[in-house]
Amino acid sequence: MVHMKEIVMLKKALKILTYSKAFAFLIPETGTNIVMSKKNPKNKEDIAGIPGRIRKFKDKAIVCEDPKFGASSHLANLILTLQKYDPEKRSAINIKYDKKIIKIAKDINLTISSYDRREEPKKIKEKEGSTISWGAKAAIDKIGQIPDLIYHKGDWGKEPMINIVGTDPINLAKLTVKIAKIYVGEKI
C-alpha cells in the first residue's frame, strides 16, 4: 500500500469536481485529467491520474475509472518539468481554454502565463508528448516563476488548453470549482 496517499487525494478531488454542476462546463473536448505525483517523481509511472480522463456527458462530469499511477501522459510531462523548478508543485488539472476563464483567473489573483504553440520548434513538435514540457518552460521563462495557470491557444488540429498547477489535487479541485461557478454565474 505504498503511495496510496496520492490516490486517496485524487479520489477526494474527483468527488469535489464531479459533485459540482458548474465544473462540467470547463471540460475540454479531449477531456480533463487531474494528477498527483509521488515526491521526487522520476517518470510518468510516479504520477497518478485518471485513466480515460474526466468526460462531460449530459452536462455532468463523469469518471470511468479510479485514479492510478501511470495513467497520464501530458500532465505527467508537465509535472516532471515543474519538478525541475519547484518540488512542491506535484499536482495539475487541465480545463478548456476560454478568455473568460483567463479573466476570472486574473480577477482572483492567480499568476498566469502562456506559450504559443505556433512558436514550437519543429523537432519538439514532431516528438509526441514534448510540447507540454517545452510550453511549460516557455511560460515559466516568460514571467520568471511557475504560474498558477498556464495556457495556450492551440495550433492546427490542437485544442486550446489551460493547465492549473498546485501542490495537491484537493485544493486544485476546489479552485477549479470556484472558477467554474464564476464562469457559469453560479453563486459560490
N, C-alpha and C. Protein backbone atom coordinates (compact mmCIF):
# COMPACT_ATOMS: atom_id res chain seq x y z
N MET A 1 0.82 -1.20 0.00
CA MET A 1 0.00 0.00 0.00
C MET A 1 0.86 1.27 0.00
N VAL A 2 2.00 1.20 -0.66
CA VAL A 2 2.88 2.35 -0.76
C VAL A 2 2.24 3.38 -1.70
N HIS A 3 2.34 4.64 -1.33
CA HIS A 3 1.86 5.76 -2.13
C HIS A 3 0.34 5.75 -2.36
N MET A 4 -0.40 5.25 -1.41
CA MET A 4 -1.86 5.31 -1.51
C MET A 4 -2.37 6.73 -1.22
N LYS A 5 -1.57 7.52 -0.52
CA LYS A 5 -1.98 8.88 -0.18
C LYS A 5 -2.35 9.69 -1.43
N GLU A 6 -1.55 9.56 -2.49
CA GLU A 6 -1.82 10.29 -3.72
C GLU A 6 -3.14 9.86 -4.35
N ILE A 7 -3.40 8.56 -4.33
CA ILE A 7 -4.65 8.03 -4.89
C ILE A 7 -5.85 8.51 -4.08
N VAL A 8 -5.74 8.46 -2.76
CA VAL A 8 -6.82 8.92 -1.88
C VAL A 8 -7.10 10.40 -2.12
N MET A 9 -6.05 11.20 -2.25
CA MET A 9 -6.23 12.63 -2.51
C MET A 9 -6.93 12.86 -3.86
N LEU A 10 -6.54 12.10 -4.86
CA LEU A 10 -7.19 12.23 -6.17
C LEU A 10 -8.66 11.83 -6.11
N LYS A 11 -8.98 10.78 -5.37
CA LYS A 11 -10.38 10.37 -5.23
C LYS A 11 -11.21 11.47 -4.56
N LYS A 12 -10.64 12.11 -3.55
CA LYS A 12 -11.35 13.22 -2.89
C LYS A 12 -11.54 14.38 -3.86
N ALA A 13 -10.50 14.66 -4.64
CA ALA A 13 -10.59 15.74 -5.63
C ALA A 13 -11.67 15.43 -6.67
N LEU A 14 -11.74 14.17 -7.09
CA LEU A 14 -12.76 13.78 -8.07
C LEU A 14 -14.17 13.98 -7.53
N LYS A 15 -14.37 13.70 -6.25
CA LYS A 15 -15.69 13.92 -5.63
C LYS A 15 -16.06 15.40 -5.67
N ILE A 16 -15.09 16.25 -5.37
CA ILE A 16 -15.34 17.70 -5.41
C ILE A 16 -15.71 18.13 -6.82
N LEU A 17 -14.96 17.65 -7.80
CA LEU A 17 -15.20 18.04 -9.19
C LEU A 17 -16.52 17.51 -9.73
N THR A 18 -16.79 16.23 -9.51
CA THR A 18 -18.00 15.64 -10.09
C THR A 18 -19.27 16.06 -9.35
N TYR A 19 -19.16 16.50 -8.11
CA TYR A 19 -20.31 16.99 -7.37
C TYR A 19 -20.77 18.35 -7.90
N SER A 20 -19.83 19.10 -8.48
CA SER A 20 -20.13 20.43 -8.99
C SER A 20 -20.77 20.36 -10.38
N LYS A 21 -21.95 20.93 -10.51
CA LYS A 21 -22.60 21.00 -11.82
C LYS A 21 -21.83 21.96 -12.73
N ALA A 22 -21.28 23.01 -12.15
CA ALA A 22 -20.57 24.02 -12.93
C ALA A 22 -19.30 23.47 -13.57
N PHE A 23 -18.60 22.57 -12.88
CA PHE A 23 -17.32 22.07 -13.38
C PHE A 23 -17.43 21.46 -14.77
N ALA A 24 -18.53 20.78 -15.05
CA ALA A 24 -18.69 20.12 -16.36
C ALA A 24 -18.51 21.09 -17.52
N PHE A 25 -18.79 22.36 -17.30
CA PHE A 25 -18.68 23.36 -18.36
C PHE A 25 -17.24 23.79 -18.63
N LEU A 26 -16.30 23.29 -17.84
CA LEU A 26 -14.88 23.58 -18.07
C LEU A 26 -14.15 22.42 -18.73
N ILE A 27 -14.84 21.32 -18.95
CA ILE A 27 -14.19 20.13 -19.53
C ILE A 27 -13.99 20.33 -21.04
N PRO A 28 -12.75 20.21 -21.51
CA PRO A 28 -12.49 20.36 -22.95
C PRO A 28 -12.95 19.13 -23.74
N GLU A 29 -12.96 19.26 -25.06
CA GLU A 29 -13.36 18.14 -25.93
C GLU A 29 -12.50 16.90 -25.67
N THR A 30 -11.22 17.10 -25.39
CA THR A 30 -10.32 15.97 -25.17
C THR A 30 -10.42 15.40 -23.76
N GLY A 31 -11.26 16.00 -22.91
CA GLY A 31 -11.41 15.53 -21.54
C GLY A 31 -10.47 16.24 -20.59
N THR A 32 -10.75 16.08 -19.31
CA THR A 32 -9.93 16.67 -18.26
C THR A 32 -9.21 15.56 -17.51
N ASN A 33 -7.98 15.85 -17.14
CA ASN A 33 -7.28 14.95 -16.22
C ASN A 33 -6.82 15.78 -15.04
N ILE A 34 -6.63 15.12 -13.93
CA ILE A 34 -6.06 15.74 -12.74
C ILE A 34 -5.04 14.74 -12.22
N VAL A 35 -3.87 15.24 -11.84
CA VAL A 35 -2.79 14.35 -11.45
C VAL A 35 -2.17 14.76 -10.12
N MET A 36 -1.50 13.78 -9.52
CA MET A 36 -0.73 13.99 -8.29
C MET A 36 0.47 13.07 -8.34
N SER A 37 1.64 13.64 -8.10
CA SER A 37 2.85 12.82 -8.16
C SER A 37 3.31 12.40 -6.77
N LYS A 38 4.09 11.34 -6.77
CA LYS A 38 4.85 10.99 -5.57
C LYS A 38 5.87 12.11 -5.37
N LYS A 39 6.49 12.15 -4.20
CA LYS A 39 7.58 13.09 -4.00
C LYS A 39 8.74 12.68 -4.89
N ASN A 40 9.37 13.66 -5.50
CA ASN A 40 10.53 13.44 -6.37
C ASN A 40 10.26 12.40 -7.46
N PRO A 41 9.27 12.62 -8.30
CA PRO A 41 8.96 11.64 -9.35
C PRO A 41 10.10 11.54 -10.36
N LYS A 42 10.33 10.32 -10.82
CA LYS A 42 11.40 10.07 -11.80
C LYS A 42 10.84 9.95 -13.21
N ASN A 43 9.59 9.46 -13.32
CA ASN A 43 8.98 9.25 -14.64
C ASN A 43 7.45 9.26 -14.50
N LYS A 44 6.76 9.03 -15.60
CA LYS A 44 5.29 9.08 -15.62
C LYS A 44 4.65 8.06 -14.69
N GLU A 45 5.35 6.98 -14.42
CA GLU A 45 4.81 5.94 -13.53
C GLU A 45 4.74 6.40 -12.07
N ASP A 46 5.41 7.49 -11.75
CA ASP A 46 5.38 8.06 -10.40
C ASP A 46 4.28 9.11 -10.24
N ILE A 47 3.46 9.25 -11.27
CA ILE A 47 2.41 10.27 -11.26
C ILE A 47 1.06 9.61 -11.51
N ALA A 48 0.15 9.81 -10.57
CA ALA A 48 -1.19 9.21 -10.68
C ALA A 48 -2.14 10.16 -11.40
N GLY A 49 -3.00 9.58 -12.21
CA GLY A 49 -4.01 10.35 -12.94
C GLY A 49 -5.25 9.50 -13.15
N ILE A 50 -6.12 9.97 -14.02
CA ILE A 50 -7.40 9.31 -14.24
C ILE A 50 -7.38 8.61 -15.60
N PRO A 51 -7.42 7.27 -15.62
CA PRO A 51 -7.49 6.55 -16.90
C PRO A 51 -8.76 6.96 -17.66
N GLY A 52 -8.61 7.31 -18.91
CA GLY A 52 -9.77 7.72 -19.70
C GLY A 52 -10.23 9.15 -19.45
N ARG A 53 -9.62 9.80 -18.50
CA ARG A 53 -9.91 11.19 -18.14
C ARG A 53 -11.33 11.39 -17.61
N ILE A 54 -11.61 12.63 -17.24
CA ILE A 54 -12.95 13.03 -16.80
C ILE A 54 -13.66 13.53 -18.05
N ARG A 55 -14.87 13.03 -18.29
CA ARG A 55 -15.61 13.38 -19.51
C ARG A 55 -16.90 14.11 -19.16
N LYS A 56 -17.39 14.86 -20.13
CA LYS A 56 -18.68 15.54 -19.97
C LYS A 56 -19.74 14.71 -20.67
N PHE A 57 -20.80 14.39 -19.94
CA PHE A 57 -21.91 13.63 -20.50
C PHE A 57 -23.20 14.23 -19.97
N LYS A 58 -24.03 14.73 -20.86
CA LYS A 58 -25.31 15.35 -20.48
C LYS A 58 -25.11 16.41 -19.39
N ASP A 59 -24.16 17.29 -19.62
CA ASP A 59 -23.84 18.40 -18.70
C ASP A 59 -23.40 17.95 -17.31
N LYS A 60 -22.86 16.74 -17.23
CA LYS A 60 -22.29 16.26 -15.97
C LYS A 60 -20.88 15.77 -16.21
N ALA A 61 -20.05 15.90 -15.18
CA ALA A 61 -18.69 15.36 -15.24
C ALA A 61 -18.75 13.91 -14.78
N ILE A 62 -18.22 13.01 -15.60
CA ILE A 62 -18.22 11.59 -15.22
C ILE A 62 -16.80 11.04 -15.27
N VAL A 63 -16.56 10.08 -14.38
CA VAL A 63 -15.26 9.41 -14.28
C VAL A 63 -15.51 7.93 -14.49
N CYS A 64 -14.78 7.33 -15.40
CA CYS A 64 -15.00 5.91 -15.72
C CYS A 64 -14.16 4.96 -14.87
N GLU A 65 -13.00 5.41 -14.43
CA GLU A 65 -12.11 4.54 -13.66
C GLU A 65 -11.50 5.30 -12.49
N ASP A 66 -11.07 4.55 -11.50
CA ASP A 66 -10.36 5.13 -10.36
C ASP A 66 -8.96 5.58 -10.78
N PRO A 67 -8.41 6.55 -10.05
CA PRO A 67 -7.06 7.01 -10.35
C PRO A 67 -6.04 5.87 -10.23
N LYS A 68 -5.00 5.97 -11.03
CA LYS A 68 -3.89 5.02 -10.90
C LYS A 68 -2.61 5.67 -11.41
N PHE A 69 -1.50 5.13 -10.96
CA PHE A 69 -0.20 5.64 -11.39
C PHE A 69 0.05 5.27 -12.85
N GLY A 70 0.66 6.20 -13.57
CA GLY A 70 0.98 5.97 -14.97
C GLY A 70 -0.17 6.23 -15.93
N ALA A 71 -1.27 6.80 -15.44
CA ALA A 71 -2.46 6.98 -16.27
C ALA A 71 -2.47 8.28 -17.07
N SER A 72 -1.48 9.13 -16.87
CA SER A 72 -1.45 10.40 -17.58
C SER A 72 -0.15 10.54 -18.36
N SER A 73 -0.25 11.15 -19.50
CA SER A 73 0.95 11.44 -20.29
C SER A 73 1.24 12.94 -20.28
N HIS A 74 0.30 13.73 -20.79
CA HIS A 74 0.53 15.17 -20.92
C HIS A 74 0.76 15.86 -19.57
N LEU A 75 -0.15 15.67 -18.63
CA LEU A 75 0.02 16.33 -17.33
C LEU A 75 1.20 15.74 -16.56
N ALA A 76 1.50 14.47 -16.79
CA ALA A 76 2.69 13.88 -16.16
C ALA A 76 3.94 14.59 -16.67
N ASN A 77 4.00 14.85 -17.97
CA ASN A 77 5.14 15.59 -18.52
C ASN A 77 5.21 17.00 -17.93
N LEU A 78 4.06 17.62 -17.72
CA LEU A 78 4.04 18.94 -17.10
C LEU A 78 4.63 18.88 -15.70
N ILE A 79 4.18 17.93 -14.89
CA ILE A 79 4.68 17.80 -13.52
C ILE A 79 6.19 17.52 -13.51
N LEU A 80 6.64 16.64 -14.37
CA LEU A 80 8.08 16.33 -14.43
C LEU A 80 8.89 17.59 -14.77
N THR A 81 8.35 18.44 -15.61
CA THR A 81 9.02 19.71 -15.94
C THR A 81 8.99 20.66 -14.74
N LEU A 82 7.84 20.80 -14.10
CA LEU A 82 7.72 21.70 -12.95
C LEU A 82 8.63 21.30 -11.80
N GLN A 83 8.86 20.00 -11.66
CA GLN A 83 9.70 19.49 -10.58
C GLN A 83 11.13 20.04 -10.66
N LYS A 84 11.57 20.40 -11.85
CA LYS A 84 12.91 20.98 -12.02
C LYS A 84 13.00 22.36 -11.40
N TYR A 85 11.85 23.01 -11.21
CA TYR A 85 11.79 24.36 -10.65
C TYR A 85 11.34 24.38 -9.19
N ASP A 86 10.38 23.51 -8.86
CA ASP A 86 9.80 23.51 -7.51
C ASP A 86 9.22 22.13 -7.20
N PRO A 87 9.89 21.37 -6.31
CA PRO A 87 9.43 20.02 -5.99
C PRO A 87 8.08 19.96 -5.26
N GLU A 88 7.58 21.11 -4.81
CA GLU A 88 6.26 21.13 -4.15
C GLU A 88 5.11 21.12 -5.17
N LYS A 89 5.38 21.48 -6.41
CA LYS A 89 4.34 21.50 -7.45
C LYS A 89 4.15 20.08 -7.97
N ARG A 90 3.25 19.37 -7.32
CA ARG A 90 3.05 17.94 -7.61
C ARG A 90 1.69 17.62 -8.21
N SER A 91 0.88 18.64 -8.47
CA SER A 91 -0.46 18.38 -8.96
C SER A 91 -0.82 19.36 -10.08
N ALA A 92 -1.67 18.90 -11.01
CA ALA A 92 -2.14 19.75 -12.11
C ALA A 92 -3.48 19.24 -12.62
N ILE A 93 -4.23 20.15 -13.21
CA ILE A 93 -5.50 19.81 -13.87
C ILE A 93 -5.57 20.59 -15.17
N ASN A 94 -6.16 20.00 -16.19
CA ASN A 94 -6.38 20.73 -17.44
C ASN A 94 -7.87 21.01 -17.63
N ILE A 95 -8.16 22.21 -18.12
CA ILE A 95 -9.53 22.61 -18.44
C ILE A 95 -9.52 23.30 -19.80
N LYS A 96 -10.71 23.53 -20.34
CA LYS A 96 -10.79 24.16 -21.66
C LYS A 96 -10.30 25.60 -21.60
N TYR A 97 -9.80 26.06 -22.74
CA TYR A 97 -9.40 27.46 -22.85
C TYR A 97 -10.61 28.31 -23.21
N ASP A 98 -10.74 29.42 -22.50
CA ASP A 98 -11.73 30.44 -22.82
C ASP A 98 -11.16 31.73 -22.23
N LYS A 99 -11.17 32.81 -23.01
CA LYS A 99 -10.60 34.06 -22.50
C LYS A 99 -11.35 34.55 -21.26
N LYS A 100 -12.61 34.15 -21.11
CA LYS A 100 -13.38 34.49 -19.91
C LYS A 100 -12.77 33.81 -18.67
N ILE A 101 -12.27 32.59 -18.84
CA ILE A 101 -11.63 31.88 -17.72
C ILE A 101 -10.32 32.57 -17.35
N ILE A 102 -9.58 33.05 -18.34
CA ILE A 102 -8.34 33.78 -18.06
C ILE A 102 -8.65 35.05 -17.27
N LYS A 103 -9.71 35.75 -17.64
CA LYS A 103 -10.11 36.96 -16.91
C LYS A 103 -10.50 36.62 -15.47
N ILE A 104 -11.24 35.54 -15.29
CA ILE A 104 -11.62 35.11 -13.94
C ILE A 104 -10.37 34.83 -13.12
N ALA A 105 -9.42 34.12 -13.71
CA ALA A 105 -8.16 33.80 -13.02
C ALA A 105 -7.43 35.07 -12.59
N LYS A 106 -7.40 36.06 -13.48
CA LYS A 106 -6.77 37.36 -13.12
C LYS A 106 -7.53 38.01 -11.98
N ASP A 107 -8.86 37.98 -12.06
CA ASP A 107 -9.70 38.62 -11.03
C ASP A 107 -9.53 37.99 -9.65
N ILE A 108 -9.19 36.70 -9.61
CA ILE A 108 -8.99 36.04 -8.30
C ILE A 108 -7.49 35.94 -7.95
N ASN A 109 -6.69 36.73 -8.67
CA ASN A 109 -5.26 36.91 -8.37
C ASN A 109 -4.38 35.68 -8.58
N LEU A 110 -4.71 34.87 -9.56
CA LEU A 110 -3.80 33.78 -9.92
C LEU A 110 -2.70 34.35 -10.80
N THR A 111 -1.49 33.79 -10.68
CA THR A 111 -0.43 34.17 -11.62
C THR A 111 -0.65 33.39 -12.90
N ILE A 112 -0.48 34.06 -14.02
CA ILE A 112 -0.83 33.49 -15.32
C ILE A 112 0.32 33.68 -16.29
N SER A 113 0.54 32.65 -17.10
CA SER A 113 1.48 32.77 -18.21
C SER A 113 0.97 31.89 -19.35
N SER A 114 1.57 32.07 -20.51
CA SER A 114 1.12 31.32 -21.68
C SER A 114 2.30 31.01 -22.58
N TYR A 115 2.03 30.18 -23.56
CA TYR A 115 3.00 29.93 -24.63
C TYR A 115 2.24 29.80 -25.93
N ASP A 116 2.95 30.00 -27.02
CA ASP A 116 2.35 29.97 -28.35
C ASP A 116 2.83 28.72 -29.07
N ARG A 117 1.92 27.79 -29.31
CA ARG A 117 2.30 26.53 -29.96
C ARG A 117 2.81 26.74 -31.37
N ARG A 118 2.48 27.86 -31.98
CA ARG A 118 2.99 28.14 -33.33
C ARG A 118 4.49 28.43 -33.31
N GLU A 119 5.03 28.77 -32.13
CA GLU A 119 6.47 29.05 -32.00
C GLU A 119 7.26 27.80 -31.61
N GLU A 120 6.58 26.71 -31.45
CA GLU A 120 7.22 25.46 -31.04
C GLU A 120 8.20 24.97 -32.11
N PRO A 121 9.44 24.66 -31.72
CA PRO A 121 10.42 24.16 -32.69
C PRO A 121 9.94 22.85 -33.34
N LYS A 122 10.27 22.68 -34.60
CA LYS A 122 9.82 21.53 -35.37
C LYS A 122 10.20 20.21 -34.70
N LYS A 123 11.44 20.12 -34.17
CA LYS A 123 11.88 18.85 -33.56
C LYS A 123 11.07 18.52 -32.30
N ILE A 124 10.61 19.54 -31.59
CA ILE A 124 9.75 19.33 -30.42
C ILE A 124 8.37 18.88 -30.89
N LYS A 125 7.84 19.57 -31.89
CA LYS A 125 6.50 19.29 -32.42
C LYS A 125 6.39 17.86 -32.93
N GLU A 126 7.48 17.35 -33.50
CA GLU A 126 7.48 16.01 -34.09
C GLU A 126 7.57 14.90 -33.05
N LYS A 127 8.03 15.23 -31.85
CA LYS A 127 8.19 14.21 -30.80
C LYS A 127 6.95 14.22 -29.90
N GLU A 128 6.16 13.17 -29.97
CA GLU A 128 4.92 13.07 -29.20
C GLU A 128 5.17 13.28 -27.71
N GLY A 129 4.38 14.16 -27.11
CA GLY A 129 4.47 14.40 -25.67
C GLY A 129 5.48 15.45 -25.26
N SER A 130 6.19 16.04 -26.22
CA SER A 130 7.23 17.02 -25.88
C SER A 130 6.70 18.44 -25.74
N THR A 131 5.56 18.71 -26.36
CA THR A 131 5.04 20.08 -26.39
C THR A 131 4.82 20.65 -25.01
N ILE A 132 4.20 19.90 -24.13
CA ILE A 132 3.83 20.47 -22.83
C ILE A 132 5.07 20.82 -21.99
N SER A 133 6.13 20.03 -22.09
CA SER A 133 7.37 20.35 -21.38
C SER A 133 7.98 21.63 -21.94
N TRP A 134 8.05 21.71 -23.27
CA TRP A 134 8.56 22.91 -23.92
C TRP A 134 7.70 24.12 -23.55
N GLY A 135 6.38 23.96 -23.62
CA GLY A 135 5.47 25.05 -23.32
C GLY A 135 5.54 25.52 -21.88
N ALA A 136 5.63 24.59 -20.95
CA ALA A 136 5.73 24.95 -19.53
C ALA A 136 7.00 25.76 -19.28
N LYS A 137 8.10 25.30 -19.85
CA LYS A 137 9.37 26.03 -19.69
C LYS A 137 9.26 27.43 -20.29
N ALA A 138 8.65 27.54 -21.47
CA ALA A 138 8.47 28.85 -22.11
C ALA A 138 7.61 29.76 -21.24
N ALA A 139 6.53 29.22 -20.67
CA ALA A 139 5.62 30.01 -19.82
C ALA A 139 6.32 30.46 -18.54
N ILE A 140 7.13 29.59 -17.96
CA ILE A 140 7.87 29.93 -16.75
C ILE A 140 8.92 30.99 -17.06
N ASP A 141 9.68 30.78 -18.13
CA ASP A 141 10.72 31.74 -18.52
C ASP A 141 10.12 33.13 -18.80
N LYS A 142 8.92 33.16 -19.33
CA LYS A 142 8.25 34.41 -19.70
C LYS A 142 8.01 35.32 -18.49
N ILE A 143 7.70 34.71 -17.32
CA ILE A 143 7.40 35.54 -16.14
C ILE A 143 8.38 35.32 -14.98
N GLY A 144 9.32 34.40 -15.16
CA GLY A 144 10.34 34.20 -14.14
C GLY A 144 9.90 33.42 -12.91
N GLN A 145 8.79 32.72 -13.01
CA GLN A 145 8.31 31.89 -11.91
C GLN A 145 7.30 30.89 -12.45
N ILE A 146 6.98 29.89 -11.63
CA ILE A 146 5.93 28.95 -12.01
C ILE A 146 4.59 29.65 -11.79
N PRO A 147 3.81 29.81 -12.86
CA PRO A 147 2.49 30.43 -12.68
C PRO A 147 1.49 29.43 -12.11
N ASP A 148 0.40 29.95 -11.58
CA ASP A 148 -0.69 29.07 -11.13
C ASP A 148 -1.42 28.49 -12.34
N LEU A 149 -1.44 29.25 -13.43
CA LEU A 149 -2.20 28.86 -14.61
C LEU A 149 -1.33 29.08 -15.86
N ILE A 150 -1.26 28.05 -16.69
CA ILE A 150 -0.52 28.12 -17.96
C ILE A 150 -1.52 27.79 -19.07
N TYR A 151 -1.54 28.62 -20.11
CA TYR A 151 -2.47 28.32 -21.20
C TYR A 151 -1.80 28.48 -22.56
N HIS A 152 -2.43 27.87 -23.56
CA HIS A 152 -2.07 28.10 -24.96
C HIS A 152 -3.36 28.14 -25.76
N LYS A 153 -3.29 28.82 -26.90
CA LYS A 153 -4.49 28.99 -27.73
C LYS A 153 -4.57 27.98 -28.86
N GLY A 154 -3.82 26.88 -28.74
CA GLY A 154 -3.91 25.81 -29.72
C GLY A 154 -3.04 26.03 -30.94
N ASP A 155 -3.20 25.15 -31.89
CA ASP A 155 -2.48 25.18 -33.16
C ASP A 155 -3.30 24.33 -34.11
N TRP A 156 -2.84 24.17 -35.32
CA TRP A 156 -3.55 23.37 -36.31
C TRP A 156 -3.86 21.98 -35.75
N GLY A 157 -5.12 21.67 -35.55
CA GLY A 157 -5.53 20.37 -35.05
C GLY A 157 -5.29 20.15 -33.56
N LYS A 158 -4.91 21.18 -32.84
CA LYS A 158 -4.63 21.07 -31.41
C LYS A 158 -5.58 21.98 -30.63
N GLU A 159 -6.27 21.38 -29.67
CA GLU A 159 -7.25 22.13 -28.88
C GLU A 159 -6.56 23.11 -27.93
N PRO A 160 -7.03 24.35 -27.87
CA PRO A 160 -6.52 25.30 -26.87
C PRO A 160 -6.76 24.72 -25.47
N MET A 161 -5.87 25.04 -24.52
CA MET A 161 -5.96 24.39 -23.21
C MET A 161 -5.43 25.29 -22.11
N ILE A 162 -5.98 25.08 -20.92
CA ILE A 162 -5.50 25.71 -19.69
C ILE A 162 -5.05 24.61 -18.75
N ASN A 163 -3.89 24.79 -18.14
CA ASN A 163 -3.42 23.90 -17.07
C ASN A 163 -3.29 24.73 -15.81
N ILE A 164 -3.87 24.25 -14.73
CA ILE A 164 -3.73 24.90 -13.43
C ILE A 164 -2.86 23.98 -12.59
N VAL A 165 -1.86 24.55 -11.94
CA VAL A 165 -0.91 23.74 -11.17
C VAL A 165 -0.94 24.11 -9.70
N GLY A 166 -0.56 23.14 -8.86
CA GLY A 166 -0.55 23.38 -7.43
C GLY A 166 0.18 22.29 -6.68
N THR A 167 -0.01 22.29 -5.38
CA THR A 167 0.70 21.34 -4.52
C THR A 167 -0.10 20.07 -4.25
N ASP A 168 -1.44 20.14 -4.40
CA ASP A 168 -2.25 18.94 -4.17
C ASP A 168 -3.55 19.02 -4.95
N PRO A 169 -4.14 17.88 -5.29
CA PRO A 169 -5.33 17.87 -6.13
C PRO A 169 -6.60 18.35 -5.43
N ILE A 170 -6.67 18.24 -4.12
CA ILE A 170 -7.88 18.67 -3.41
C ILE A 170 -8.04 20.19 -3.52
N ASN A 171 -6.97 20.92 -3.23
CA ASN A 171 -7.04 22.38 -3.36
C ASN A 171 -7.20 22.81 -4.82
N LEU A 172 -6.60 22.07 -5.74
CA LEU A 172 -6.79 22.37 -7.17
C LEU A 172 -8.25 22.16 -7.57
N ALA A 173 -8.86 21.10 -7.08
CA ALA A 173 -10.27 20.83 -7.39
C ALA A 173 -11.15 21.95 -6.84
N LYS A 174 -10.89 22.38 -5.61
CA LYS A 174 -11.67 23.47 -5.01
C LYS A 174 -11.51 24.76 -5.82
N LEU A 175 -10.28 25.06 -6.22
CA LEU A 175 -10.02 26.25 -7.02
C LEU A 175 -10.72 26.16 -8.38
N THR A 176 -10.66 25.00 -9.00
CA THR A 176 -11.29 24.80 -10.31
C THR A 176 -12.81 24.95 -10.21
N VAL A 177 -13.40 24.43 -9.16
CA VAL A 177 -14.85 24.58 -8.96
C VAL A 177 -15.20 26.05 -8.72
N LYS A 178 -14.36 26.75 -7.97
CA LYS A 178 -14.59 28.18 -7.75
C LYS A 178 -14.60 28.92 -9.10
N ILE A 179 -13.62 28.64 -9.94
CA ILE A 179 -13.56 29.25 -11.27
C ILE A 179 -14.79 28.87 -12.08
N ALA A 180 -15.18 27.60 -12.02
CA ALA A 180 -16.33 27.12 -12.79
C ALA A 180 -17.62 27.82 -12.36
N LYS A 181 -17.80 28.00 -11.07
CA LYS A 181 -19.01 28.67 -10.58
C LYS A 181 -19.08 30.11 -11.05
N ILE A 182 -17.96 30.80 -11.03
CA ILE A 182 -17.93 32.17 -11.54
C ILE A 182 -18.21 32.15 -13.05
N TYR A 183 -17.62 31.20 -13.74
CA TYR A 183 -17.76 31.08 -15.20
C TYR A 183 -19.22 30.91 -15.63
N VAL A 184 -19.94 30.10 -14.90
CA VAL A 184 -21.35 29.86 -15.28
C VAL A 184 -22.33 30.78 -14.55
N GLY A 185 -21.79 31.64 -13.68
CA GLY A 185 -22.65 32.59 -12.98
C GLY A 185 -23.37 32.02 -11.78
N GLU A 186 -22.86 30.90 -11.26
CA GLU A 186 -23.48 30.26 -10.10
C GLU A 186 -23.00 30.94 -8.82
N LYS A 187 -23.86 31.05 -7.84
CA LYS A 187 -23.47 31.62 -6.55
C LYS A 187 -22.50 30.67 -5.85
N ILE A 188 -21.44 31.24 -5.30
CA ILE A 188 -20.43 30.41 -4.62
C ILE A 188 -20.88 30.09 -3.21
